[in-house]
PDB file of all heavy atoms in Angstrom:
ATOM      1  N   ALA A   1       9.515 -34.516  13.384  1.00  0.00           N
ATOM      2  CA  ALA A   1       8.116 -34.668  13.007  1.00  0.00           C
ATOM      3  C   ALA A   1       7.501 -33.272  12.996  1.00  0.00           C
ATOM      4  O   ALA A   1       7.752 -32.469  13.898  1.00  0.00           O
ATOM      5  CB  ALA A   1       7.390 -35.564  14.005  1.00  0.00           C
ATOM      6  N   VAL A   2       6.734 -32.957  11.958  1.00  0.00           N
ATOM      7  CA  VAL A   2       6.175 -31.614  11.793  1.00  0.00           C
ATOM      8  C   VAL A   2       4.657 -31.684  11.916  1.00  0.00           C
ATOM      9  O   VAL A   2       4.015 -32.533  11.284  1.00  0.00           O
ATOM     10  CB  VAL A   2       6.568 -31.011  10.431  1.00  0.00           C
ATOM     11  CG1 VAL A   2       5.950 -29.624  10.250  1.00  0.00           C
ATOM     12  CG2 VAL A   2       8.086 -30.933  10.300  1.00  0.00           C
ATOM     13  N   HIS A   3       4.102 -30.802  12.727  1.00  0.00           N
ATOM     14  CA  HIS A   3       2.644 -30.701  12.878  1.00  0.00           C
ATOM     15  C   HIS A   3       2.216 -29.291  12.484  1.00  0.00           C
ATOM     16  O   HIS A   3       2.678 -28.305  13.066  1.00  0.00           O
ATOM     17  CB  HIS A   3       2.229 -30.997  14.320  1.00  0.00           C
ATOM     18  CG  HIS A   3       0.766 -30.775  14.585  1.00  0.00           C
ATOM     19  ND1 HIS A   3      -0.219 -31.542  13.984  1.00  0.00           N
ATOM     20  CD2 HIS A   3       0.119 -29.876  15.368  1.00  0.00           C
ATOM     21  CE1 HIS A   3      -1.406 -31.126  14.397  1.00  0.00           C
ATOM     22  NE2 HIS A   3      -1.237 -30.115  15.234  1.00  0.00           N
ATOM     23  N   ILE A   4       1.370 -29.196  11.485  1.00  0.00           N
ATOM     24  CA  ILE A   4       0.809 -27.923  11.040  1.00  0.00           C
ATOM     25  C   ILE A   4      -0.645 -27.899  11.494  1.00  0.00           C
ATOM     26  O   ILE A   4      -1.438 -28.772  11.114  1.00  0.00           O
ATOM     27  CB  ILE A   4       0.899 -27.788   9.503  1.00  0.00           C
ATOM     28  CG1 ILE A   4       2.361 -27.869   9.068  1.00  0.00           C
ATOM     29  CG2 ILE A   4       0.264 -26.491   9.033  1.00  0.00           C
ATOM     30  CD1 ILE A   4       2.540 -28.108   7.587  1.00  0.00           C
ATOM     31  N   GLU A   5      -0.978 -26.935  12.309  1.00  0.00           N
ATOM     32  CA  GLU A   5      -2.300 -26.893  12.932  1.00  0.00           C
ATOM     33  C   GLU A   5      -3.052 -25.620  12.537  1.00  0.00           C
ATOM     34  O   GLU A   5      -2.656 -24.513  12.892  1.00  0.00           O
ATOM     35  CB  GLU A   5      -2.149 -26.949  14.454  1.00  0.00           C
ATOM     36  CG  GLU A   5      -3.453 -26.953  15.233  1.00  0.00           C
ATOM     37  CD  GLU A   5      -3.194 -26.990  16.728  1.00  0.00           C
ATOM     38  OE1 GLU A   5      -2.526 -27.953  17.179  1.00  0.00           O
ATOM     39  OE2 GLU A   5      -3.628 -26.063  17.431  1.00  0.00           O
ATOM     40  N   ASN A   6      -4.106 -25.800  11.738  1.00  0.00           N
ATOM     41  CA  ASN A   6      -5.017 -24.700  11.402  1.00  0.00           C
ATOM     42  C   ASN A   6      -4.274 -23.493  10.830  1.00  0.00           C
ATOM     43  O   ASN A   6      -4.585 -22.345  11.147  1.00  0.00           O
ATOM     44  CB  ASN A   6      -5.811 -24.278  12.648  1.00  0.00           C
ATOM     45  CG  ASN A   6      -7.085 -23.542  12.286  1.00  0.00           C
ATOM     46  OD1 ASN A   6      -7.752 -23.869  11.313  1.00  0.00           O
ATOM     47  ND2 ASN A   6      -7.433 -22.528  13.078  1.00  0.00           N
ATOM     48  N   CYS A   7      -3.289 -23.752   9.970  1.00  0.00           N
ATOM     49  CA  CYS A   7      -2.481 -22.671   9.405  1.00  0.00           C
ATOM     50  C   CYS A   7      -3.099 -22.144   8.109  1.00  0.00           C
ATOM     51  O   CYS A   7      -3.221 -22.867   7.113  1.00  0.00           O
ATOM     52  CB  CYS A   7      -1.053 -23.154   9.132  1.00  0.00           C
ATOM     53  SG  CYS A   7      -0.025 -23.220  10.603  1.00  0.00           S
ATOM     54  N   GLY A   8      -3.472 -20.886   8.127  1.00  0.00           N
ATOM     55  CA  GLY A   8      -3.930 -20.190   6.941  1.00  0.00           C
ATOM     56  C   GLY A   8      -3.117 -18.924   6.772  1.00  0.00           C
ATOM     57  O   GLY A   8      -2.352 -18.531   7.653  1.00  0.00           O
ATOM     58  N   LYS A   9      -3.257 -18.258   5.610  1.00  0.00           N
ATOM     59  CA  LYS A   9      -2.531 -17.019   5.384  1.00  0.00           C
ATOM     60  C   LYS A   9      -3.375 -16.058   4.569  1.00  0.00           C
ATOM     61  O   LYS A   9      -3.754 -16.343   3.431  1.00  0.00           O
ATOM     62  CB  LYS A   9      -1.208 -17.287   4.654  1.00  0.00           C
ATOM     63  CG  LYS A   9      -0.360 -16.026   4.463  1.00  0.00           C
ATOM     64  CD  LYS A   9       0.075 -15.438   5.791  1.00  0.00           C
ATOM     65  CE  LYS A   9       0.881 -14.166   5.618  1.00  0.00           C
ATOM     66  NZ  LYS A   9       1.288 -13.587   6.931  1.00  0.00           N
ATOM     67  N   THR A  10      -3.686 -14.912   5.194  1.00  0.00           N
ATOM     68  CA  THR A  10      -4.409 -13.838   4.534  1.00  0.00           C
ATOM     69  C   THR A  10      -3.509 -12.614   4.528  1.00  0.00           C
ATOM     70  O   THR A  10      -3.023 -12.185   5.582  1.00  0.00           O
ATOM     71  CB  THR A  10      -5.718 -13.516   5.266  1.00  0.00           C
ATOM     72  OG1 THR A  10      -6.491 -14.718   5.400  1.00  0.00           O
ATOM     73  CG2 THR A  10      -6.527 -12.479   4.499  1.00  0.00           C
ATOM     74  N   PHE A  11      -3.280 -12.055   3.349  1.00  0.00           N
ATOM     75  CA  PHE A  11      -2.382 -10.907   3.240  1.00  0.00           C
ATOM     76  C   PHE A  11      -3.126  -9.604   3.559  1.00  0.00           C
ATOM     77  O   PHE A  11      -4.358  -9.584   3.677  1.00  0.00           O
ATOM     78  CB  PHE A  11      -1.748 -10.863   1.860  1.00  0.00           C
ATOM     79  CG  PHE A  11      -0.779 -11.995   1.630  1.00  0.00           C
ATOM     80  CD1 PHE A  11      -1.090 -13.037   0.764  1.00  0.00           C
ATOM     81  CD2 PHE A  11       0.437 -12.037   2.299  1.00  0.00           C
ATOM     82  CE1 PHE A  11      -0.207 -14.082   0.557  1.00  0.00           C
ATOM     83  CE2 PHE A  11       1.332 -13.079   2.105  1.00  0.00           C
ATOM     84  CZ  PHE A  11       1.006 -14.100   1.237  1.00  0.00           C
ATOM     85  N   ALA A  12      -2.377  -8.526   3.679  1.00  0.00           N
ATOM     86  CA  ALA A  12      -2.930  -7.254   4.133  1.00  0.00           C
ATOM     87  C   ALA A  12      -4.049  -6.735   3.236  1.00  0.00           C
ATOM     88  O   ALA A  12      -4.968  -6.053   3.707  1.00  0.00           O
ATOM     89  CB  ALA A  12      -1.806  -6.217   4.234  1.00  0.00           C
ATOM     90  N   ASP A  13      -3.998  -7.066   1.960  1.00  0.00           N
ATOM     91  CA  ASP A  13      -5.040  -6.588   1.042  1.00  0.00           C
ATOM     92  C   ASP A  13      -6.290  -7.461   1.061  1.00  0.00           C
ATOM     93  O   ASP A  13      -7.220  -7.246   0.295  1.00  0.00           O
ATOM     94  CB  ASP A  13      -4.504  -6.497  -0.390  1.00  0.00           C
ATOM     95  CG  ASP A  13      -4.083  -7.858  -0.954  1.00  0.00           C
ATOM     96  OD1 ASP A  13      -4.177  -8.875  -0.229  1.00  0.00           O
ATOM     97  OD2 ASP A  13      -3.648  -7.910  -2.124  1.00  0.00           O
ATOM     98  N   GLY A  14      -6.305  -8.462   1.956  1.00  0.00           N
ATOM     99  CA  GLY A  14      -7.469  -9.338   2.083  1.00  0.00           C
ATOM    100  C   GLY A  14      -7.397 -10.612   1.269  1.00  0.00           C
ATOM    101  O   GLY A  14      -8.274 -11.472   1.377  1.00  0.00           O
ATOM    102  N   THR A  15      -6.351 -10.768   0.458  1.00  0.00           N
ATOM    103  CA  THR A  15      -6.204 -11.976  -0.361  1.00  0.00           C
ATOM    104  C   THR A  15      -5.873 -13.173   0.535  1.00  0.00           C
ATOM    105  O   THR A  15      -4.923 -13.130   1.321  1.00  0.00           O
ATOM    106  CB  THR A  15      -5.074 -11.797  -1.383  1.00  0.00           C
ATOM    107  OG1 THR A  15      -5.361 -10.689  -2.221  1.00  0.00           O
ATOM    108  CG2 THR A  15      -4.912 -13.065  -2.229  1.00  0.00           C
ATOM    109  N   GLN A  16      -6.660 -14.234   0.402  1.00  0.00           N
ATOM    110  CA  GLN A  16      -6.392 -15.455   1.156  1.00  0.00           C
ATOM    111  C   GLN A  16      -5.558 -16.389   0.295  1.00  0.00           C
ATOM    112  O   GLN A  16      -6.051 -17.004  -0.637  1.00  0.00           O
ATOM    113  CB  GLN A  16      -7.679 -16.149   1.587  1.00  0.00           C
ATOM    114  CG  GLN A  16      -7.440 -17.323   2.530  1.00  0.00           C
ATOM    115  CD  GLN A  16      -8.710 -18.052   2.930  1.00  0.00           C
ATOM    116  OE1 GLN A  16      -9.496 -18.457   2.073  1.00  0.00           O
ATOM    117  NE2 GLN A  16      -8.912 -18.228   4.238  1.00  0.00           N
ATOM    118  N   ALA A  17      -4.267 -16.475   0.622  1.00  0.00           N
ATOM    119  CA  ALA A  17      -3.360 -17.339  -0.140  1.00  0.00           C
ATOM    120  C   ALA A  17      -3.490 -18.787   0.280  1.00  0.00           C
ATOM    121  O   ALA A  17      -3.238 -19.695  -0.513  1.00  0.00           O
ATOM    122  CB  ALA A  17      -1.924 -16.870   0.036  1.00  0.00           C
ATOM    123  N   LEU A  18      -3.880 -19.007   1.547  1.00  0.00           N
ATOM    124  CA  LEU A  18      -3.976 -20.364   2.069  1.00  0.00           C
ATOM    125  C   LEU A  18      -5.130 -20.434   3.056  1.00  0.00           C
ATOM    126  O   LEU A  18      -5.157 -19.668   4.038  1.00  0.00           O
ATOM    127  CB  LEU A  18      -2.669 -20.761   2.762  1.00  0.00           C
ATOM    128  CG  LEU A  18      -2.582 -22.171   3.346  1.00  0.00           C
ATOM    129  CD1 LEU A  18      -2.627 -23.214   2.234  1.00  0.00           C
ATOM    130  CD2 LEU A  18      -1.308 -22.338   4.173  1.00  0.00           C
ATOM    131  N   ALA A  19      -6.076 -21.317   2.791  1.00  0.00           N
ATOM    132  CA  ALA A  19      -7.168 -21.554   3.734  1.00  0.00           C
ATOM    133  C   ALA A  19      -6.616 -22.322   4.933  1.00  0.00           C
ATOM    134  O   ALA A  19      -5.639 -23.073   4.795  1.00  0.00           O
ATOM    135  CB  ALA A  19      -8.278 -22.352   3.065  1.00  0.00           C
ATOM    136  N   PRO A  20      -7.196 -22.166   6.132  1.00  0.00           N
ATOM    137  CA  PRO A  20      -6.697 -22.886   7.302  1.00  0.00           C
ATOM    138  C   PRO A  20      -6.577 -24.382   7.020  1.00  0.00           C
ATOM    139  O   PRO A  20      -7.526 -25.021   6.561  1.00  0.00           O
ATOM    140  CB  PRO A  20      -7.750 -22.593   8.375  1.00  0.00           C
ATOM    141  CG  PRO A  20      -8.297 -21.262   7.983  1.00  0.00           C
ATOM    142  CD  PRO A  20      -8.324 -21.271   6.474  1.00  0.00           C
ATOM    143  N   ALA A  21      -5.394 -24.915   7.274  1.00  0.00           N
ATOM    144  CA  ALA A  21      -5.108 -26.319   6.956  1.00  0.00           C
ATOM    145  C   ALA A  21      -4.322 -26.943   8.091  1.00  0.00           C
ATOM    146  O   ALA A  21      -3.522 -26.288   8.756  1.00  0.00           O
ATOM    147  CB  ALA A  21      -4.318 -26.425   5.655  1.00  0.00           C
ATOM    148  N   SER A  22      -4.545 -28.233   8.303  1.00  0.00           N
ATOM    149  CA  SER A  22      -3.804 -29.001   9.301  1.00  0.00           C
ATOM    150  C   SER A  22      -3.157 -30.197   8.625  1.00  0.00           C
ATOM    151  O   SER A  22      -3.745 -30.792   7.719  1.00  0.00           O
ATOM    152  CB  SER A  22      -4.730 -29.467  10.429  1.00  0.00           C
ATOM    153  OG  SER A  22      -5.248 -28.355  11.149  1.00  0.00           O
ATOM    154  N   LEU A  23      -1.953 -30.540   9.081  1.00  0.00           N
ATOM    155  CA  LEU A  23      -1.184 -31.581   8.408  1.00  0.00           C
ATOM    156  C   LEU A  23      -0.137 -32.127   9.356  1.00  0.00           C
ATOM    157  O   LEU A  23       0.502 -31.378  10.084  1.00  0.00           O
ATOM    158  CB  LEU A  23      -0.503 -30.969   7.176  1.00  0.00           C
ATOM    159  CG  LEU A  23       0.256 -31.867   6.214  1.00  0.00           C
ATOM    160  CD1 LEU A  23      -0.670 -32.879   5.576  1.00  0.00           C
ATOM    161  CD2 LEU A  23       0.921 -31.009   5.134  1.00  0.00           C
ATOM    162  N   ASP A  24       0.026 -33.448   9.362  1.00  0.00           N
ATOM    163  CA  ASP A  24       1.071 -34.097  10.147  1.00  0.00           C
ATOM    164  C   ASP A  24       2.077 -34.746   9.211  1.00  0.00           C
ATOM    165  O   ASP A  24       1.697 -35.496   8.302  1.00  0.00           O
ATOM    166  CB  ASP A  24       0.482 -35.157  11.085  1.00  0.00           C
ATOM    167  CG  ASP A  24      -0.186 -34.532  12.299  1.00  0.00           C
ATOM    168  OD1 ASP A  24       0.496 -33.788  13.020  1.00  0.00           O
ATOM    169  OD2 ASP A  24      -1.389 -34.777  12.517  1.00  0.00           O
ATOM    170  N   ILE A  25       3.355 -34.463   9.440  1.00  0.00           N
ATOM    171  CA  ILE A  25       4.436 -35.004   8.620  1.00  0.00           C
ATOM    172  C   ILE A  25       5.318 -35.851   9.526  1.00  0.00           C
ATOM    173  O   ILE A  25       5.848 -35.368  10.532  1.00  0.00           O
ATOM    174  CB  ILE A  25       5.248 -33.874   7.967  1.00  0.00           C
ATOM    175  CG1 ILE A  25       4.305 -32.972   7.151  1.00  0.00           C
ATOM    176  CG2 ILE A  25       6.349 -34.450   7.075  1.00  0.00           C
ATOM    177  CD1 ILE A  25       4.920 -31.649   6.766  1.00  0.00           C
ATOM    178  N   VAL A  26       5.462 -37.109   9.177  1.00  0.00           N
ATOM    179  CA  VAL A  26       6.190 -38.067  10.003  1.00  0.00           C
ATOM    180  C   VAL A  26       7.690 -37.812   9.918  1.00  0.00           C
ATOM    181  O   VAL A  26       8.212 -37.416   8.872  1.00  0.00           O
ATOM    182  CB  VAL A  26       5.860 -39.505   9.548  1.00  0.00           C
ATOM    183  CG1 VAL A  26       6.632 -40.534  10.372  1.00  0.00           C
ATOM    184  CG2 VAL A  26       4.364 -39.764   9.646  1.00  0.00           C
ATOM    185  N   SER A  27       8.387 -38.052  11.009  1.00  0.00           N
ATOM    186  CA  SER A  27       9.834 -37.931  11.019  1.00  0.00           C
ATOM    187  C   SER A  27      10.455 -38.822   9.940  1.00  0.00           C
ATOM    188  O   SER A  27      10.137 -40.005   9.833  1.00  0.00           O
ATOM    189  CB  SER A  27      10.380 -38.332  12.398  1.00  0.00           C
ATOM    190  OG  SER A  27      11.780 -38.391  12.390  1.00  0.00           O
ATOM    191  N   GLY A  28      11.321 -38.248   9.119  1.00  0.00           N
ATOM    192  CA  GLY A  28      11.978 -38.999   8.059  1.00  0.00           C
ATOM    193  C   GLY A  28      11.180 -39.116   6.774  1.00  0.00           C
ATOM    194  O   GLY A  28      11.659 -39.692   5.796  1.00  0.00           O
ATOM    195  N   GLU A  29       9.994 -38.564   6.729  1.00  0.00           N
ATOM    196  CA  GLU A  29       9.125 -38.667   5.557  1.00  0.00           C
ATOM    197  C   GLU A  29       9.477 -37.590   4.532  1.00  0.00           C
ATOM    198  O   GLU A  29       9.875 -36.482   4.880  1.00  0.00           O
ATOM    199  CB  GLU A  29       7.670 -38.499   5.989  1.00  0.00           C
ATOM    200  CG  GLU A  29       6.661 -38.527   4.842  1.00  0.00           C
ATOM    201  CD  GLU A  29       5.225 -38.364   5.321  1.00  0.00           C
ATOM    202  OE1 GLU A  29       4.992 -37.654   6.330  1.00  0.00           O
ATOM    203  OE2 GLU A  29       4.325 -38.938   4.684  1.00  0.00           O
ATOM    204  N   THR A  30       9.314 -37.928   3.249  1.00  0.00           N
ATOM    205  CA  THR A  30       9.351 -36.925   2.195  1.00  0.00           C
ATOM    206  C   THR A  30       7.910 -36.639   1.775  1.00  0.00           C
ATOM    207  O   THR A  30       7.226 -37.513   1.241  1.00  0.00           O
ATOM    208  CB  THR A  30      10.155 -37.398   0.972  1.00  0.00           C
ATOM    209  OG1 THR A  30      11.522 -37.610   1.352  1.00  0.00           O
ATOM    210  CG2 THR A  30      10.121 -36.359  -0.137  1.00  0.00           C
ATOM    211  N   LEU A  31       7.463 -35.438   2.054  1.00  0.00           N
ATOM    212  CA  LEU A  31       6.107 -35.014   1.727  1.00  0.00           C
ATOM    213  C   LEU A  31       6.175 -34.014   0.584  1.00  0.00           C
ATOM    214  O   LEU A  31       6.939 -33.047   0.641  1.00  0.00           O
ATOM    215  CB  LEU A  31       5.438 -34.367   2.937  1.00  0.00           C
ATOM    216  CG  LEU A  31       3.964 -33.997   2.712  1.00  0.00           C
ATOM    217  CD1 LEU A  31       3.068 -35.184   3.066  1.00  0.00           C
ATOM    218  CD2 LEU A  31       3.569 -32.775   3.522  1.00  0.00           C
ATOM    219  N   VAL A  32       5.393 -34.242  -0.454  1.00  0.00           N
ATOM    220  CA  VAL A  32       5.387 -33.353  -1.612  1.00  0.00           C
ATOM    221  C   VAL A  32       4.099 -32.535  -1.624  1.00  0.00           C
ATOM    222  O   VAL A  32       2.994 -33.077  -1.502  1.00  0.00           O
ATOM    223  CB  VAL A  32       5.509 -34.150  -2.926  1.00  0.00           C
ATOM    224  CG1 VAL A  32       5.392 -33.217  -4.129  1.00  0.00           C
ATOM    225  CG2 VAL A  32       6.835 -34.896  -2.978  1.00  0.00           C
ATOM    226  N   LEU A  33       4.257 -31.215  -1.766  1.00  0.00           N
ATOM    227  CA  LEU A  33       3.128 -30.309  -1.963  1.00  0.00           C
ATOM    228  C   LEU A  33       3.004 -30.082  -3.462  1.00  0.00           C
ATOM    229  O   LEU A  33       3.886 -29.478  -4.084  1.00  0.00           O
ATOM    230  CB  LEU A  33       3.353 -28.988  -1.232  1.00  0.00           C
ATOM    231  CG  LEU A  33       3.615 -29.087   0.278  1.00  0.00           C
ATOM    232  CD1 LEU A  33       3.899 -27.704   0.858  1.00  0.00           C
ATOM    233  CD2 LEU A  33       2.443 -29.726   1.000  1.00  0.00           C
ATOM    234  N   LEU A  34       1.927 -30.577  -4.051  1.00  0.00           N
ATOM    235  CA  LEU A  34       1.746 -30.580  -5.507  1.00  0.00           C
ATOM    236  C   LEU A  34       0.521 -29.764  -5.884  1.00  0.00           C
ATOM    237  O   LEU A  34      -0.534 -29.907  -5.262  1.00  0.00           O
ATOM    238  CB  LEU A  34       1.579 -32.024  -6.000  1.00  0.00           C
ATOM    239  CG  LEU A  34       1.198 -32.233  -7.467  1.00  0.00           C
ATOM    240  CD1 LEU A  34       2.340 -31.810  -8.388  1.00  0.00           C
ATOM    241  CD2 LEU A  34       0.821 -33.695  -7.723  1.00  0.00           C
ATOM    242  N   GLY A  35       0.656 -28.950  -6.916  1.00  0.00           N
ATOM    243  CA  GLY A  35      -0.499 -28.211  -7.396  1.00  0.00           C
ATOM    244  C   GLY A  35      -0.092 -27.168  -8.418  1.00  0.00           C
ATOM    245  O   GLY A  35       1.101 -26.888  -8.608  1.00  0.00           O
ATOM    246  N   PRO A  36      -1.068 -26.560  -9.085  1.00  0.00           N
ATOM    247  CA  PRO A  36      -0.776 -25.528 -10.078  1.00  0.00           C
ATOM    248  C   PRO A  36      -0.291 -24.239  -9.419  1.00  0.00           C
ATOM    249  O   PRO A  36      -0.370 -24.077  -8.194  1.00  0.00           O
ATOM    250  CB  PRO A  36      -2.125 -25.325 -10.778  1.00  0.00           C
ATOM    251  CG  PRO A  36      -3.137 -25.700  -9.734  1.00  0.00           C
ATOM    252  CD  PRO A  36      -2.518 -26.813  -8.942  1.00  0.00           C
ATOM    253  N   SER A  37       0.193 -23.316 -10.221  1.00  0.00           N
ATOM    254  CA  SER A  37       0.650 -22.029  -9.705  1.00  0.00           C
ATOM    255  C   SER A  37      -0.487 -21.325  -8.967  1.00  0.00           C
ATOM    256  O   SER A  37      -1.636 -21.347  -9.417  1.00  0.00           O
ATOM    257  CB  SER A  37       1.150 -21.145 -10.846  1.00  0.00           C
ATOM    258  OG  SER A  37       2.262 -21.739 -11.482  1.00  0.00           O
ATOM    259  N   GLY A  38      -0.144 -20.717  -7.826  1.00  0.00           N
ATOM    260  CA  GLY A  38      -1.129 -19.961  -7.077  1.00  0.00           C
ATOM    261  C   GLY A  38      -2.031 -20.775  -6.189  1.00  0.00           C
ATOM    262  O   GLY A  38      -3.026 -20.241  -5.670  1.00  0.00           O
ATOM    263  N   CYS A  39      -1.711 -22.052  -5.966  1.00  0.00           N
ATOM    264  CA  CYS A  39      -2.602 -22.916  -5.179  1.00  0.00           C
ATOM    265  C   CYS A  39      -2.306 -22.871  -3.682  1.00  0.00           C
ATOM    266  O   CYS A  39      -3.037 -23.464  -2.883  1.00  0.00           O
ATOM    267  CB  CYS A  39      -2.528 -24.354  -5.676  1.00  0.00           C
ATOM    268  SG  CYS A  39      -0.957 -25.177  -5.297  1.00  0.00           S
ATOM    269  N   GLY A  40      -1.211 -22.203  -3.276  1.00  0.00           N
ATOM    270  CA  GLY A  40      -0.904 -22.070  -1.860  1.00  0.00           C
ATOM    271  C   GLY A  40       0.238 -22.937  -1.364  1.00  0.00           C
ATOM    272  O   GLY A  40       0.602 -22.872  -0.190  1.00  0.00           O
ATOM    273  N   LYS A  41       0.845 -23.736  -2.238  1.00  0.00           N
ATOM    274  CA  LYS A  41       1.869 -24.681  -1.775  1.00  0.00           C
ATOM    275  C   LYS A  41       3.126 -23.976  -1.277  1.00  0.00           C
ATOM    276  O   LYS A  41       3.690 -24.362  -0.247  1.00  0.00           O
ATOM    277  CB  LYS A  41       2.197 -25.703  -2.867  1.00  0.00           C
ATOM    278  CG  LYS A  41       2.647 -25.145  -4.202  1.00  0.00           C
ATOM    279  CD  LYS A  41       2.759 -26.240  -5.245  1.00  0.00           C
ATOM    280  CE  LYS A  41       3.342 -25.704  -6.556  1.00  0.00           C
ATOM    281  NZ  LYS A  41       2.423 -24.744  -7.212  1.00  0.00           N
ATOM    282  N   THR A  42       3.577 -22.942  -1.988  1.00  0.00           N
ATOM    283  CA  THR A  42       4.758 -22.209  -1.535  1.00  0.00           C
ATOM    284  C   THR A  42       4.459 -21.418  -0.270  1.00  0.00           C
ATOM    285  O   THR A  42       5.326 -21.296   0.614  1.00  0.00           O
ATOM    286  CB  THR A  42       5.281 -21.290  -2.648  1.00  0.00           C
ATOM    287  OG1 THR A  42       5.737 -22.094  -3.747  1.00  0.00           O
ATOM    288  CG2 THR A  42       6.442 -20.432  -2.161  1.00  0.00           C
TER     289      THR A  42
END
């Protein structure tokens, strides 16, 4: 089971690739991160 708590990512140049986000993924679940290029999923 995966718990993501308040995870954001700001690079050295100040670019915010990911706003702080929280997410719970159940054991055995397939969770899909869907969105256009540059949306923060990778």
